[in-house]
């Protein structure tokens, strides 16, 4: 269920434009507008989940899908061999700024 105040829900619903690098019925992938690295992708489930702390047992497939998609996106972006980092920011104290679960993929350094 979408959250009407959530920027990622608005992106998913087409209310805010984003350059999708991947989309299926469960998730989207797009470039971060404030990148921390030469490659900085956001992998976002279409289901609105506020943070890691709000995951339920029934959401296990969502996390698995995000990680497996990150692996394939790293290959697509040609950082799979040179290396990349995957991370979730959890809650404000953990650096989370958008309260819709998302996985960061960063890499591309020389």
Protein backbone atom coordinates (compact mmCIF):
# COMPACT_ATOMS: atom_id res chain seq x y z
CA UNK A 1 0.00 0.00 0.00
CA UNK A 2 1.38 3.37 -1.02
CA UNK A 3 1.98 6.19 1.41
CA UNK A 4 0.73 9.47 -0.12
CA UNK A 5 3.51 11.52 1.53
CA UNK A 6 6.34 9.18 0.48
CA UNK A 7 8.63 10.42 -2.31
CA UNK A 8 9.47 6.86 -3.38
CA UNK A 9 5.77 5.94 -3.58
CA UNK A 10 5.28 9.01 -5.76
CA UNK A 11 8.16 7.89 -8.01
CA UNK A 12 6.69 4.38 -8.21
CA UNK A 13 3.29 5.83 -9.13
CA UNK A 14 4.75 8.11 -11.82
CA UNK A 15 3.93 11.33 -9.95
CA UNK A 16 7.62 12.27 -9.77
CA UNK A 17 9.87 11.46 -12.73
CA UNK A 18 12.84 9.15 -12.37
CA UNK A 19 15.07 7.39 -14.85
CA UNK A 20 14.26 3.75 -14.15
CA UNK A 21 17.08 1.36 -14.91
CA UNK A 22 14.86 -1.59 -14.02
CA UNK A 23 11.23 -2.17 -13.13
CA UNK A 24 9.09 -5.23 -12.56
CA UNK A 25 5.93 -5.88 -10.56
CA UNK A 26 7.87 -5.91 -7.25
CA UNK A 27 10.62 -3.28 -7.45
CA UNK A 28 12.24 -0.38 -9.24
CA UNK A 29 15.86 0.67 -9.65
CA UNK A 30 16.98 4.22 -10.39
CA UNK A 31 20.01 6.47 -9.95
CA UNK A 32 20.32 8.44 -6.70
CA UNK A 33 19.99 12.17 -7.37
CA UNK A 34 22.68 12.88 -4.75
CA UNK A 35 25.24 10.17 -5.53
CA UNK A 36 27.91 9.16 -3.03
CA UNK A 37 29.93 7.39 -5.74
CA UNK A 38 30.32 7.31 -9.53
CA UNK A 39 27.62 4.58 -9.52
CA UNK A 40 24.87 5.05 -6.93
CA UNK A 41 21.64 3.16 -7.49
CA UNK A 42 18.57 2.85 -5.31
CA UNK A 43 16.68 -0.43 -5.32
CA UNK A 44 13.18 0.16 -4.00
CA UNK A 45 10.37 -2.32 -3.38
CA UNK A 46 7.01 -1.21 -4.71
CA UNK A 47 5.40 -2.24 -1.44
CA UNK A 48 5.68 0.62 1.04
CA UNK A 49 7.68 -0.63 4.01
CA UNK A 50 8.87 2.19 6.25
CA UNK A 51 12.26 0.69 7.22
CA UNK A 52 14.08 -2.56 7.99
CA UNK A 53 12.49 -2.34 11.44
CA UNK A 54 9.04 -2.66 9.85
CA UNK A 55 9.76 -5.86 7.92
CA UNK A 56 7.54 -8.83 8.60
CA UNK A 57 8.29 -12.50 8.02
CA UNK A 58 6.13 -12.34 4.89
CA UNK A 59 8.53 -9.73 3.45
CA UNK A 60 11.54 -12.08 3.22
CA UNK A 61 11.13 -12.44 -0.56
CA UNK A 62 11.32 -8.65 -0.95
CA UNK A 63 14.77 -8.52 0.64
CA UNK A 64 15.94 -11.49 -1.40
CA UNK A 65 14.64 -9.86 -4.60
CA UNK A 66 16.45 -6.60 -3.79
CA UNK A 67 19.77 -8.33 -3.18
CA UNK A 68 19.54 -10.54 -6.26
CA UNK A 69 18.60 -7.51 -8.39
CA UNK A 70 21.55 -5.59 -6.90
CA UNK A 71 23.85 -8.40 -8.04
CA UNK A 72 22.50 -8.20 -11.59
CA UNK A 73 22.60 -4.37 -11.61
CA UNK A 74 26.25 -4.48 -10.50
CA UNK A 75 26.95 -6.66 -13.52
CA UNK A 76 24.95 -4.35 -15.80
CA UNK A 77 26.83 -1.29 -14.48
CA UNK A 78 30.18 -3.13 -14.84
CA UNK A 79 31.15 -2.86 -11.18
CA UNK A 80 30.70 -6.54 -10.34
CA UNK A 81 34.40 -7.33 -10.84
CA UNK A 82 35.92 -4.10 -9.48
CA UNK A 83 33.69 -4.15 -6.40
CA UNK A 84 30.69 -2.37 -4.94
CA UNK A 85 28.92 -1.79 -1.66
CA UNK A 86 25.34 -2.62 -0.68
CA UNK A 87 23.70 -1.03 2.34
CA UNK A 88 20.45 -0.15 4.05
CA UNK A 89 20.21 2.93 6.24
CA UNK A 90 17.88 2.19 9.15
CA UNK A 91 16.03 4.98 10.94
CA UNK A 92 17.20 8.57 11.29
CA UNK A 93 20.15 7.70 13.54
CA UNK A 94 21.33 5.21 10.91
CA UNK A 95 21.20 7.78 8.12
CA UNK A 96 17.77 6.95 6.69
CA UNK A 97 16.32 10.07 5.05
CA UNK A 98 13.47 8.61 2.98
CA UNK A 99 11.24 6.38 5.08
CA UNK A 100 10.52 3.78 2.43
CA UNK A 101 12.79 0.75 2.56
CA UNK A 102 15.53 0.92 -0.08
CA UNK A 103 18.88 -0.67 -0.80
CA UNK A 104 21.85 1.42 -1.93
CA UNK A 105 24.34 0.06 -4.46
CA UNK A 106 27.47 2.18 -4.76
CA UNK A 107 30.70 1.64 -6.66
CA UNK A 108 32.66 2.71 -9.71
CA UNK A 109 35.77 4.06 -8.02
CA UNK A 110 39.14 3.53 -9.68
